[in-house]
PDB file of N, CA and C in Angstrom:
ATOM      1  N   UNK A   1     -34.216 -13.333 -14.171  1.00  0.00           N
ATOM      2  CA  UNK A   1     -33.169 -12.523 -14.280  1.00  0.00           C
ATOM      3  C   UNK A   1     -31.715 -13.299 -14.003  1.00  0.00           C
ATOM      4  N   UNK A   2     -30.782 -12.675 -14.734  1.00  0.00           N
ATOM      5  CA  UNK A   2     -29.227 -13.490 -14.752  1.00  0.00           C
ATOM      6  C   UNK A   2     -28.758 -13.059 -13.400  1.00  0.00           C
ATOM      7  N   UNK A   3     -28.373 -13.976 -12.500  1.00  0.00           N
ATOM      8  CA  UNK A   3     -27.976 -13.897 -11.250  1.00  0.00           C
ATOM      9  C   UNK A   3     -26.860 -12.778 -11.071  1.00  0.00           C
ATOM     10  N   UNK A   4     -25.918 -12.661 -12.290  1.00  0.00           N
ATOM     11  CA  UNK A   4     -24.806 -11.804 -12.394  1.00  0.00           C
ATOM     12  C   UNK A   4     -25.048 -10.418 -13.045  1.00  0.00           C
ATOM     13  N   UNK A   5     -26.330 -10.004 -13.305  1.00  0.00           N
ATOM     14  CA  UNK A   5     -26.393  -8.843 -14.024  1.00  0.00           C
ATOM     15  C   UNK A   5     -27.767  -8.067 -13.611  1.00  0.00           C
ATOM     16  N   UNK A   6     -27.695  -6.773 -13.491  1.00  0.00           N
ATOM     17  CA  UNK A   6     -28.744  -6.080 -13.234  1.00  0.00           C
ATOM     18  C   UNK A   6     -28.810  -5.149 -14.285  1.00  0.00           C
ATOM     19  N   UNK A   7     -29.679  -4.700 -15.140  1.00  0.00           N
ATOM     20  CA  UNK A   7     -29.931  -3.498 -16.077  1.00  0.00           C
ATOM     21  C   UNK A   7     -29.156  -2.173 -15.904  1.00  0.00           C
ATOM     22  N   UNK A   8     -29.075  -1.393 -16.600  1.00  0.00           N
ATOM     23  CA  UNK A   8     -28.296  -0.234 -16.299  1.00  0.00           C
ATOM     24  C   UNK A   8     -29.444   0.578 -15.534  1.00  0.00           C
ATOM     25  N   UNK A   9     -30.453   0.660 -15.752  1.00  0.00           N
ATOM     26  CA  UNK A   9     -31.299   1.375 -14.969  1.00  0.00           C
ATOM     27  C   UNK A   9     -31.419   0.904 -13.540  1.00  0.00           C
ATOM     28  N   UNK A  10     -31.368  -0.481 -13.313  1.00  0.00           N
ATOM     29  CA  UNK A  10     -31.513  -0.863 -11.869  1.00  0.00           C
ATOM     30  C   UNK A  10     -30.272  -0.431 -11.029  1.00  0.00           C
ATOM     31  N   UNK A  11     -29.028  -0.369 -11.955  1.00  0.00           N
ATOM     32  CA  UNK A  11     -27.799   0.322 -11.324  1.00  0.00           C
ATOM     33  C   UNK A  11     -27.813   1.699 -11.337  1.00  0.00           C
ATOM     34  N   UNK A  12     -28.429   2.351 -11.899  1.00  0.00           N
ATOM     35  CA  UNK A  12     -28.531   3.732 -11.883  1.00  0.00           C
ATOM     36  C   UNK A  12     -29.541   4.142 -10.552  1.00  0.00           C
ATOM     37  N   UNK A  13     -30.601   3.165 -10.725  1.00  0.00           N
ATOM     38  CA  UNK A  13     -31.471   3.646  -9.371  1.00  0.00           C
ATOM     39  C   UNK A  13     -30.939   3.290  -7.971  1.00  0.00           C
ATOM     40  N   UNK A  14     -29.762   2.290  -8.074  1.00  0.00           N
ATOM     41  CA  UNK A  14     -28.819   2.127  -7.088  1.00  0.00           C
ATOM     42  C   UNK A  14     -28.181   3.308  -6.461  1.00  0.00           C
ATOM     43  N   UNK A  15     -27.756   3.675  -7.632  1.00  0.00           N
ATOM     44  CA  UNK A  15     -26.796   4.873  -7.453  1.00  0.00           C
ATOM     45  C   UNK A  15     -27.495   6.207  -7.025  1.00  0.00           C
ATOM     46  N   UNK A  16     -28.746   6.450  -7.586  1.00  0.00           N
ATOM     47  CA  UNK A  16     -29.519   7.380  -7.070  1.00  0.00           C
ATOM     48  C   UNK A  16     -30.204   7.380  -5.684  1.00  0.00           C
ATOM     49  N   UNK A  17     -30.537   6.178  -5.247  1.00  0.00           N
ATOM     50  CA  UNK A  17     -31.043   5.969  -3.912  1.00  0.00           C
ATOM     51  C   UNK A  17     -29.895   6.182  -2.931  1.00  0.00           C
ATOM     52  N   UNK A  18     -28.744   5.815  -3.267  1.00  0.00           N
ATOM     53  CA  UNK A  18     -27.385   6.205  -2.282  1.00  0.00           C
ATOM     54  C   UNK A  18     -27.482   7.485  -2.303  1.00  0.00           C
ATOM     55  N   UNK A  19     -27.433   8.400  -3.158  1.00  0.00           N
ATOM     56  CA  UNK A  19     -27.170   9.739  -3.162  1.00  0.00           C
ATOM     57  C   UNK A  19     -28.454  10.442  -2.471  1.00  0.00           C
ATOM     58  N   UNK A  20     -29.550   9.957  -3.034  1.00  0.00           N
ATOM     59  CA  UNK A  20     -30.566  10.646  -2.055  1.00  0.00           C
ATOM     60  C   UNK A  20     -30.669  10.313  -0.622  1.00  0.00           C
ATOM     61  N   UNK A  21     -30.465   8.998  -0.102  1.00  0.00           N
ATOM     62  CA  UNK A  21     -30.644   8.760   1.019  1.00  0.00           C
ATOM     63  C   UNK A  21     -29.285   8.583   1.873  1.00  0.00           C
ATOM     64  N   UNK A  22     -28.223   9.338   1.612  1.00  0.00           N
ATOM     65  CA  UNK A  22     -27.012   9.245   2.060  1.00  0.00           C
ATOM     66  C   UNK A  22     -26.721   8.995   3.654  1.00  0.00           C
ATOM     67  N   UNK A  23     -27.957   9.788   4.292  1.00  0.00           N
ATOM     68  CA  UNK A  23     -28.066   9.960   5.481  1.00  0.00           C
ATOM     69  C   UNK A  23     -28.929   8.791   6.433  1.00  0.00           C
ATOM     70  N   UNK A  24     -29.279   7.706   5.515  1.00  0.00           N
ATOM     71  CA  UNK A  24     -30.241   6.870   6.130  1.00  0.00           C
ATOM     72  C   UNK A  24     -29.486   5.324   6.143  1.00  0.00           C
ATOM     73  N   UNK A  25     -30.617   4.604   6.412  1.00  0.00           N
ATOM     74  CA  UNK A  25     -30.087   3.116   6.352  1.00  0.00           C
ATOM     75  C   UNK A  25     -29.760   2.865   5.071  1.00  0.00           C
ATOM     76  N   UNK A  26     -28.375   2.615   4.656  1.00  0.00           N
ATOM     77  CA  UNK A  26     -28.074   2.297   3.245  1.00  0.00           C
ATOM     78  C   UNK A  26     -27.627   0.425   3.328  1.00  0.00           C
ATOM     79  N   UNK A  27     -27.867  -0.385   4.240  1.00  0.00           N
ATOM     80  CA  UNK A  27     -27.785  -1.560   4.236  1.00  0.00           C
ATOM     81  C   UNK A  27     -27.651  -2.237   2.896  1.00  0.00           C
ATOM     82  N   UNK A  28     -26.885  -3.159   2.452  1.00  0.00           N
ATOM     83  CA  UNK A  28     -27.082  -4.355   1.600  1.00  0.00           C
ATOM     84  C   UNK A  28     -28.516  -4.706   1.547  1.00  0.00           C
ATOM     85  N   UNK A  29     -29.012  -5.096   2.519  1.00  0.00           N
ATOM     86  CA  UNK A  29     -30.404  -5.651   2.591  1.00  0.00           C
ATOM     87  C   UNK A  29     -31.542  -4.789   2.037  1.00  0.00           C
ATOM     88  N   UNK A  30     -31.537  -3.541   2.710  1.00  0.00           N
ATOM     89  CA  UNK A  30     -32.279  -2.399   2.383  1.00  0.00           C
ATOM     90  C   UNK A  30     -32.240  -2.020   0.849  1.00  0.00           C
ATOM     91  N   UNK A  31     -30.806  -2.078   0.139  1.00  0.00           N
ATOM     92  CA  UNK A  31     -30.737  -1.381  -0.979  1.00  0.00           C
ATOM     93  C   UNK A  31     -31.467  -2.833  -2.236  1.00  0.00           C
ATOM     94  N   UNK A  32     -30.717  -3.739  -1.739  1.00  0.00           N
ATOM     95  CA  UNK A  32     -31.371  -5.091  -2.577  1.00  0.00           C
ATOM     96  C   UNK A  32     -32.921  -5.200  -2.644  1.00  0.00           C
ATOM     97  N   UNK A  33     -33.549  -4.936  -1.462  1.00  0.00           N
ATOM     98  CA  UNK A  33     -34.945  -4.721  -1.584  1.00  0.00           C
ATOM     99  C   UNK A  33     -35.740  -3.754  -2.408  1.00  0.00           C
ATOM    100  N   UNK A  34     -34.873  -2.472  -2.361  1.00  0.00           N
ATOM    101  CA  UNK A  34     -35.409  -1.912  -3.494  1.00  0.00           C
ATOM    102  C   UNK A  34     -35.711  -2.172  -4.727  1.00  0.00           C
ATOM    103  N   UNK A  35     -34.933  -3.076  -5.228  1.00  0.00           N
ATOM    104  CA  UNK A  35     -34.700  -3.274  -6.826  1.00  0.00           C
ATOM    105  C   UNK A  35     -35.399  -4.937  -6.842  1.00  0.00           C
ATOM    106  N   UNK A  36     -35.822  -5.451  -5.597  1.00  0.00           N
ATOM    107  CA  UNK A  36     -35.912  -6.756  -5.863  1.00  0.00           C
ATOM    108  C   UNK A  36     -35.199  -7.881  -6.081  1.00  0.00           C
ATOM    109  N   UNK A  37     -34.117  -7.866  -5.639  1.00  0.00           N
ATOM    110  CA  UNK A  37     -32.981  -8.849  -5.703  1.00  0.00           C
ATOM    111  C   UNK A  37     -32.484  -9.360  -4.380  1.00  0.00           C
ATOM    112  N   UNK A  38     -31.737 -10.360  -4.437  1.00  0.00           N
ATOM    113  CA  UNK A  38     -31.160 -10.915  -3.113  1.00  0.00           C
ATOM    114  C   UNK A  38     -29.775  -9.751  -2.834  1.00  0.00           C
ATOM    115  N   UNK A  39     -29.709  -9.941  -1.507  1.00  0.00           N
ATOM    116  CA  UNK A  39     -28.600  -8.962  -1.153  1.00  0.00           C
ATOM    117  C   UNK A  39     -27.125  -9.749  -1.845  1.00  0.00           C
ATOM    118  N   UNK A  40     -27.208 -10.930  -2.128  1.00  0.00           N
ATOM    119  CA  UNK A  40     -26.121 -11.616  -2.323  1.00  0.00           C
ATOM    120  C   UNK A  40     -25.688 -11.311  -3.948  1.00  0.00           C
ATOM    121  N   UNK A  41     -26.933 -11.310  -4.622  1.00  0.00           N
ATOM    122  CA  UNK A  41     -26.866 -10.857  -5.880  1.00  0.00           C
ATOM    123  C   UNK A  41     -26.226  -9.571  -6.317  1.00  0.00           C
ATOM    124  N   UNK A  42     -26.998  -8.241  -5.531  1.00  0.00           N
ATOM    125  CA  UNK A  42     -26.380  -6.896  -5.460  1.00  0.00           C
ATOM    126  C   UNK A  42     -25.138  -6.773  -5.224  1.00  0.00           C
ATOM    127  N   UNK A  43     -24.648  -7.427  -3.992  1.00  0.00           N
ATOM    128  CA  UNK A  43     -23.293  -7.615  -3.715  1.00  0.00           C
ATOM    129  C   UNK A  43     -22.436  -8.023  -4.947  1.00  0.00           C
ATOM    130  N   UNK A  44     -22.901  -9.099  -5.523  1.00  0.00           N
ATOM    131  CA  UNK A  44     -21.650  -9.524  -6.836  1.00  0.00           C
ATOM    132  C   UNK A  44     -21.805  -8.417  -7.928  1.00  0.00           C
ATOM    133  N   UNK A  45     -22.832  -8.136  -7.832  1.00  0.00           N
ATOM    134  CA  UNK A  45     -22.991  -7.230  -9.585  1.00  0.00           C
ATOM    135  C   UNK A  45     -22.145  -5.783  -9.014  1.00  0.00           C
ATOM    136  N   UNK A  46     -22.279  -5.622  -8.018  1.00  0.00           N
ATOM    137  CA  UNK A  46     -21.818  -3.854  -7.478  1.00  0.00           C
ATOM    138  C   UNK A  46     -20.009  -4.295  -7.451  1.00  0.00           C
ATOM    139  N   UNK A  47     -19.731  -5.316  -6.874  1.00  0.00           N
ATOM    140  CA  UNK A  47     -18.652  -5.630  -6.988  1.00  0.00           C
ATOM    141  C   UNK A  47     -17.890  -5.869  -8.293  1.00  0.00           C
ATOM    142  N   UNK A  48     -18.302  -6.564  -9.305  1.00  0.00           N
ATOM    143  CA  UNK A  48     -18.070  -6.950 -10.653  1.00  0.00           C
ATOM    144  C   UNK A  48     -18.265  -5.432 -11.360  1.00  0.00           C
ATOM    145  N   UNK A  49     -19.503  -4.803 -11.731  1.00  0.00           N
ATOM    146  CA  UNK A  49     -19.586  -3.575 -12.144  1.00  0.00           C
ATOM    147  C   UNK A  49     -18.869  -2.077 -11.800  1.00  0.00           C
ATOM    148  N   UNK A  50     -18.763  -2.014 -10.132  1.00  0.00           N
ATOM    149  CA  UNK A  50     -18.306  -0.949  -9.775  1.00  0.00           C
ATOM    150  C   UNK A  50     -16.633  -0.919  -9.192  1.00  0.00           C
ATOM    151  N   UNK A  51     -16.365  -2.485  -9.184  1.00  0.00           N
ATOM    152  CA  UNK A  51     -15.032  -2.883  -8.722  1.00  0.00           C
ATOM    153  C   UNK A  51     -14.653  -2.766  -7.340  1.00  0.00           C
ATOM    154  N   UNK A  52     -15.915  -2.505  -6.369  1.00  0.00           N
ATOM    155  CA  UNK A  52     -15.791  -2.282  -5.117  1.00  0.00           C
ATOM    156  C   UNK A  52     -17.072  -2.722  -4.604  1.00  0.00           C
ATOM    157  N   UNK A  53     -17.019  -3.080  -2.752  1.00  0.00           N
ATOM    158  CA  UNK A  53     -18.282  -3.504  -2.480  1.00  0.00           C
ATOM    159  C   UNK A  53     -19.460  -2.205  -2.308  1.00  0.00           C
ATOM    160  N   UNK A  54     -20.634  -2.698  -2.099  1.00  0.00           N
ATOM    161  CA  UNK A  54     -21.713  -1.694  -1.845  1.00  0.00           C
ATOM    162  C   UNK A  54     -21.213  -0.815  -0.423  1.00  0.00           C
ATOM    163  N   UNK A  55     -20.996  -1.635   0.543  1.00  0.00           N
ATOM    164  CA  UNK A  55     -20.401  -0.658   1.764  1.00  0.00           C
ATOM    165  C   UNK A  55     -19.304   0.322   1.435  1.00  0.00           C
ATOM    166  N   UNK A  56     -18.299  -0.266   0.941  1.00  0.00           N
ATOM    167  CA  UNK A  56     -17.145   0.541   0.482  1.00  0.00           C
ATOM    168  C   UNK A  56     -17.770   1.841  -0.517  1.00  0.00           C
ATOM    169  N   UNK A  57     -18.616   1.585  -1.399  1.00  0.00           N
ATOM    170  CA  UNK A  57     -19.108   2.852  -2.300  1.00  0.00           C
ATOM    171  C   UNK A  57     -19.809   3.676  -1.577  1.00  0.00           C
ATOM    172  N   UNK A  58     -20.750   3.065  -0.662  1.00  0.00           N
ATOM    173  CA  UNK A  58     -21.388   4.117   0.422  1.00  0.00           C
ATOM    174  C   UNK A  58     -20.715   4.940   1.301  1.00  0.00           C
ATOM    175  N   UNK A  59     -19.677   4.399   1.775  1.00  0.00           N
ATOM    176  CA  UNK A  59     -18.605   5.102   2.513  1.00  0.00           C
ATOM    177  C   UNK A  59     -17.930   6.344   1.565  1.00  0.00           C
ATOM    178  N   UNK A  60     -17.442   5.723   0.401  1.00  0.00           N
ATOM    179  CA  UNK A  60     -16.965   6.810  -0.395  1.00  0.00           C
ATOM    180  C   UNK A  60     -17.881   7.980  -0.861  1.00  0.00           C
ATOM    181  N   UNK A  61     -19.133   7.492  -0.939  1.00  0.00           N
ATOM    182  CA  UNK A  61     -20.008   8.685  -1.368  1.00  0.00           C
ATOM    183  C   UNK A  61     -19.969   9.898  -0.198  1.00  0.00           C
ATOM    184  N   UNK A  62     -20.223   9.050   1.121  1.00  0.00           N
ATOM    185  CA  UNK A  62     -20.639   9.918   2.140  1.00  0.00           C
ATOM    186  C   UNK A  62     -19.416  10.773   2.539  1.00  0.00           C
ATOM    187  N   UNK A  63     -17.900  10.412   2.109  1.00  0.00           N
ATOM    188  CA  UNK A  63     -16.628  11.149   2.519  1.00  0.00           C
ATOM    189  C   UNK A  63     -16.763  12.218   1.330  1.00  0.00           C
ATOM    190  N   UNK A  64     -17.298  12.054   0.061  1.00  0.00           N
ATOM    191  CA  UNK A  64     -17.315  12.828  -0.936  1.00  0.00           C
ATOM    192  C   UNK A  64     -18.315  14.096  -0.267  1.00  0.00           C
ATOM    193  N   UNK A  65     -19.631  13.463   0.230  1.00  0.00           N
ATOM    194  CA  UNK A  65     -20.270  14.616   0.123  1.00  0.00           C
ATOM    195  C   UNK A  65     -19.782  15.279   1.610  1.00  0.00           C
ATOM    196  N   UNK A  66     -19.150  14.870   2.653  1.00  0.00           N
ATOM    197  CA  UNK A  66     -18.832  15.174   3.738  1.00  0.00           C
ATOM    198  C   UNK A  66     -17.564  16.399   3.224  1.00  0.00           C
ATOM    199  N   UNK A  67     -16.726  16.026   2.302  1.00  0.00           N
ATOM    200  CA  UNK A  67     -15.792  16.991   1.454  1.00  0.00           C
ATOM    201  C   UNK A  67     -16.320  18.284   1.365  1.00  0.00           C
ATOM    202  N   UNK A  68     -17.410  17.802   0.434  1.00  0.00           N
ATOM    203  CA  UNK A  68     -18.244  19.169  -0.179  1.00  0.00           C
ATOM    204  C   UNK A  68     -18.886  20.194   1.096  1.00  0.00           C
ATOM    205  N   UNK A  69     -19.533  19.501   2.046  1.00  0.00           N
ATOM    206  CA  UNK A  69     -20.090  20.308   3.281  1.00  0.00           C
ATOM    207  C   UNK A  69     -18.943  21.006   3.830  1.00  0.00           C
ATOM    208  N   UNK A  70     -17.847  20.315   4.325  1.00  0.00           N
ATOM    209  CA  UNK A  70     -16.494  21.145   4.864  1.00  0.00           C
ATOM    210  C   UNK A  70     -16.253  22.342   4.522  1.00  0.00           C
ATOM    211  N   UNK A  71     -16.011  22.383   2.836  1.00  0.00           N
ATOM    212  CA  UNK A  71     -15.806  23.454   2.389  1.00  0.00           C
ATOM    213  C   UNK A  71     -16.755  24.322   1.804  1.00  0.00           C
ATOM    214  N   UNK A  72     -17.982  24.244   1.879  1.00  0.00           N
ATOM    215  CA  UNK A  72     -19.120  25.207   1.413  1.00  0.00           C
ATOM    216  C   UNK A  72     -20.114  25.333   2.823  1.00  0.00           C
ATOM    217  N   UNK A  73     -19.749  24.703   3.966  1.00  0.00           N
ATOM    218  CA  UNK A  73     -20.384  25.044   5.028  1.00  0.00           C
ATOM    219  C   UNK A  73     -19.984  25.576   6.144  1.00  0.00           C
ATOM    220  N   UNK A  74     -20.239  26.396   7.230  1.00  0.00           N
ATOM    221  CA  UNK A  74     -19.449  26.342   8.427  1.00  0.00           C
ATOM    222  C   UNK A  74     -20.405  25.312   9.649  1.00  0.00           C
ATOM    223  N   UNK A  75     -20.944  24.172   9.065  1.00  0.00           N
ATOM    224  CA  UNK A  75     -21.459  23.509  10.184  1.00  0.00           C
ATOM    225  C   UNK A  75     -20.146  22.920  11.084  1.00  0.00           C
ATOM    226  N   UNK A  76     -20.518  22.475  12.119  1.00  0.00           N
ATOM    227  CA  UNK A  76     -19.417  21.348  12.694  1.00  0.00           C
ATOM    228  C   UNK A  76     -19.454  20.374  12.314  1.00  0.00           C
ATOM    229  N   UNK A  77     -18.056  19.573  12.785  1.00  0.00           N
ATOM    230  CA  UNK A  77     -17.869  18.126  11.935  1.00  0.00           C
ATOM    231  C   UNK A  77     -18.882  17.604  12.499  1.00  0.00           C
ATOM    232  N   UNK A  78     -19.424  17.575  13.682  1.00  0.00           N
ATOM    233  CA  UNK A  78     -20.175  16.316  14.398  1.00  0.00           C
ATOM    234  C   UNK A  78     -21.615  16.627  13.343  1.00  0.00           C
ATOM    235  N   UNK A  79     -22.066  17.796  12.852  1.00  0.00           N
ATOM    236  CA  UNK A  79     -23.244  17.604  12.155  1.00  0.00           C
ATOM    237  C   UNK A  79     -22.990  17.306  10.929  1.00  0.00           C
ATOM    238  N   UNK A  80     -21.862  17.464  10.233  1.00  0.00           N
ATOM    239  CA  UNK A  80     -21.629  17.058   9.063  1.00  0.00           C
ATOM    240  C   UNK A  80     -21.750  15.514   8.869  1.00  0.00           C
ATOM    241  N   UNK A  81     -21.063  15.099  10.281  1.00  0.00           N
ATOM    242  CA  UNK A  81     -21.158  13.347  10.159  1.00  0.00           C
ATOM    243  C   UNK A  81     -22.216  12.780  10.079  1.00  0.00           C
ATOM    244  N   UNK A  82     -23.542  13.428  10.917  1.00  0.00           N
ATOM    245  CA  UNK A  82     -24.651  12.884  10.892  1.00  0.00           C
ATOM    246  C   UNK A  82     -25.482  13.086   9.901  1.00  0.00           C
ATOM    247  N   UNK A  83     -25.197  14.403   9.120  1.00  0.00           N
ATOM    248  CA  UNK A  83     -25.886  14.755   7.971  1.00  0.00           C
ATOM    249  C   UNK A  83     -25.329  14.070   6.489  1.00  0.00           C
ATOM    250  N   UNK A  84     -24.407  13.319   6.778  1.00  0.00           N
ATOM    251  CA  UNK A  84     -23.692  12.510   5.930  1.00  0.00           C
ATOM    252  C   UNK A  84     -23.806  10.835   5.972  1.00  0.00           C
ATOM    253  N   UNK A  85     -24.786  10.421   7.219  1.00  0.00           N
ATOM    254  CA  UNK A  85     -25.024   9.051   7.414  1.00  0.00           C
ATOM    255  C   UNK A  85     -23.924   8.358   8.286  1.00  0.00           C
ATOM    256  N   UNK A  86     -22.828   9.033   8.771  1.00  0.00           N
ATOM    257  CA  UNK A  86     -22.073   8.515   9.852  1.00  0.00           C
ATOM    258  C   UNK A  86     -22.559   8.450  11.344  1.00  0.00           C
ATOM    259  N   UNK A  87     -22.285   7.335  12.073  1.00  0.00           N
ATOM    260  CA  UNK A  87     -22.772   7.190  12.977  1.00  0.00           C
ATOM    261  C   UNK A  87     -22.370   8.101  14.308  1.00  0.00           C
ATOM    262  N   UNK A  88     -21.293   8.725  14.256  1.00  0.00           N
ATOM    263  CA  UNK A  88     -20.575   9.526  14.972  1.00  0.00           C
ATOM    264  C   UNK A  88     -19.174  10.730  14.252  1.00  0.00           C
ATOM    265  N   UNK A  89     -18.971  11.528  14.901  1.00  0.00           N
ATOM    266  CA  UNK A  89     -17.882  12.320  14.463  1.00  0.00           C
ATOM    267  C   UNK A  89     -16.350  11.513  14.294  1.00  0.00           C
ATOM    268  N   UNK A  90     -16.374  10.447  15.045  1.00  0.00           N
ATOM    269  CA  UNK A  90     -15.180   9.756  14.948  1.00  0.00           C
ATOM    270  C   UNK A  90     -15.322   8.586  13.928  1.00  0.00           C
ATOM    271  N   UNK A  91     -16.586   8.021  13.694  1.00  0.00           N
ATOM    272  CA  UNK A  91     -16.776   7.513  12.418  1.00  0.00           C
ATOM    273  C   UNK A  91     -16.407   8.090  11.062  1.00  0.00           C
ATOM    274  N   UNK A  92     -16.794   9.239  11.088  1.00  0.00           N
ATOM    275  CA  UNK A  92     -16.377   9.996   9.816  1.00  0.00           C
ATOM    276  C   UNK A  92     -15.170  10.217   9.878  1.00  0.00           C
ATOM    277  N   UNK A  93     -14.474  10.568  10.746  1.00  0.00           N
ATOM    278  CA  UNK A  93     -12.818  10.856  10.916  1.00  0.00           C
ATOM    279  C   UNK A  93     -12.414   9.731  10.309  1.00  0.00           C
ATOM    280  N   UNK A  94     -12.510   8.605  10.667  1.00  0.00           N
ATOM    281  CA  UNK A  94     -11.716   7.165  10.647  1.00  0.00           C
ATOM    282  C   UNK A  94     -11.962   7.111   9.167  1.00  0.00           C
ATOM    283  N   UNK A  95     -13.073   7.021   8.644  1.00  0.00           N
ATOM    284  CA  UNK A  95     -13.133   6.980   7.063  1.00  0.00           C
ATOM    285  C   UNK A  95     -12.802   8.019   6.284  1.00  0.00           C
ATOM    286  N   UNK A  96     -12.888   9.399   6.896  1.00  0.00           N
ATOM    287  CA  UNK A  96     -12.132  10.390   6.085  1.00  0.00           C
ATOM    288  C   UNK A  96     -10.872  10.222   5.726  1.00  0.00           C
ATOM    289  N   UNK A  97     -10.192   9.997   6.821  1.00  0.00           N
ATOM    290  CA  UNK A  97      -8.389   9.820   7.077  1.00  0.00           C
ATOM    291  C   UNK A  97      -8.240   8.646   6.309  1.00  0.00           C
ATOM    292  N   UNK A  98      -8.847   7.486   6.213  1.00  0.00           N
ATOM    293  CA  UNK A  98      -8.861   6.332   5.335  1.00  0.00           C
ATOM    294  C   UNK A  98      -8.325   6.481   3.806  1.00  0.00           C
ATOM    295  N   UNK A  99      -9.418   7.279   3.406  1.00  0.00           N
ATOM    296  CA  UNK A  99      -9.915   7.663   2.160  1.00  0.00           C
ATOM    297  C   UNK A  99      -8.820   9.133   1.539  1.00  0.00           C
ATOM    298  N   UNK A 100      -8.838   9.937   2.298  1.00  0.00           N
ATOM    299  CA  UNK A 100      -7.893  11.259   1.980  1.00  0.00           C
ATOM    300  C   UNK A 100      -6.712  11.394   2.350  1.00  0.00           C
ATOM    301  N   UNK A 101      -6.337  10.568   3.570  1.00  0.00           N
ATOM    302  CA  UNK A 101      -5.156  10.887   4.365  1.00  0.00           C
ATOM    303  C   UNK A 101      -5.251  12.098   5.524  1.00  0.00           C
ATOM    304  N   UNK A 102      -6.380  12.581   5.399  1.00  0.00           N
ATOM    305  CA  UNK A 102      -6.546  13.997   6.228  1.00  0.00           C
ATOM    306  C   UNK A 102      -7.417  13.752   7.336  1.00  0.00           C
ATOM    307  N   UNK A 103      -7.708  14.355   8.395  1.00  0.00           N
ATOM    308  CA  UNK A 103      -8.691  14.404   9.000  1.00  0.00           C
ATOM    309  C   UNK A 103      -9.528  15.384   8.629  1.00  0.00           C
ATOM    310  N   UNK A 104     -11.172  15.638   8.761  1.00  0.00           N
ATOM    311  CA  UNK A 104     -12.194  16.530   8.379  1.00  0.00           C
ATOM    312  C   UNK A 104     -11.533  17.733   8.687  1.00  0.00           C
ATOM    313  N   UNK A 105     -11.020  18.191  10.018  1.00  0.00           N
ATOM    314  CA  UNK A 105     -10.869  19.360  10.245  1.00  0.00           C
ATOM    315  C   UNK A 105      -9.335  20.114   9.230  1.00  0.00           C
ATOM    316  N   UNK A 106      -8.485  19.066   8.957  1.00  0.00           N
ATOM    317  CA  UNK A 106      -7.441  19.772   8.339  1.00  0.00           C
ATOM    318  C   UNK A 106      -7.742  19.656   6.927  1.00  0.00           C
ATOM    319  N   UNK A 107      -8.762  18.853   6.448  1.00  0.00           N
ATOM    320  CA  UNK A 107      -9.149  19.276   5.032  1.00  0.00           C
ATOM    321  C   UNK A 107      -9.863  20.478   5.040  1.00  0.00           C
ATOM    322  N   UNK A 108     -10.660  20.860   5.952  1.00  0.00           N
ATOM    323  CA  UNK A 108     -11.271  22.031   5.968  1.00  0.00           C
ATOM    324  C   UNK A 108     -10.128  23.367   6.022  1.00  0.00           C
ATOM    325  N   UNK A 109      -9.297  23.337   6.955  1.00  0.00           N
ATOM    326  CA  UNK A 109      -8.107  24.184   6.966  1.00  0.00           C
ATOM    327  C   UNK A 109      -7.597  24.539   5.505  1.00  0.00           C
ATOM    328  N   UNK A 110      -7.143  23.285   5.105  1.00  0.00           N
ATOM    329  CA  UNK A 110      -6.159  23.441   4.043  1.00  0.00           C
ATOM    330  C   UNK A 110      -7.135  23.988   2.502  1.00  0.00           C
ATOM    331  N   UNK A 111      -8.405  23.689   2.695  1.00  0.00           N
ATOM    332  CA  UNK A 111      -9.290  23.553   1.529  1.00  0.00           C
ATOM    333  C   UNK A 111      -9.595  25.253   1.659  1.00  0.00           C
ATOM    334  N   UNK A 112      -9.663  25.634   2.560  1.00  0.00           N
ATOM    335  CA  UNK A 112      -9.988  27.463   2.668  1.00  0.00           C
ATOM    336  C   UNK A 112      -9.011  28.268   2.587  1.00  0.00           C
ATOM    337  N   UNK A 113      -7.709  27.899   2.615  1.00  0.00           N
ATOM    338  CA  UNK A 113      -6.356  28.567   2.523  1.00  0.00           C
ATOM    339  C   UNK A 113      -6.121  28.965   1.340  1.00  0.00           C
TER     340      UNK A 113
END
């Protein structure tokens, strides 16, 4: 296989795995093993095709899921953090603020007003 290319099906499988297992271990090594490539190959291909690292893509998907949950549920922010794969409420808050400019609590407040 060309080291700089994965077919559409493999890339779709990676995206689907990330969505399905958002709360689980989504390390580069674990994802690469799912499609039988080296972590280095997966890293290069994702950067080339998505314009971002696997880690940043996973973080962005976790924040998007957290945004949905903040507006559609009354779960505590801590519960949402764990349900979306963050190690703590603080980890969610840091990533959330970096990507949205808001804290999860503030996002919930303005999203419901």
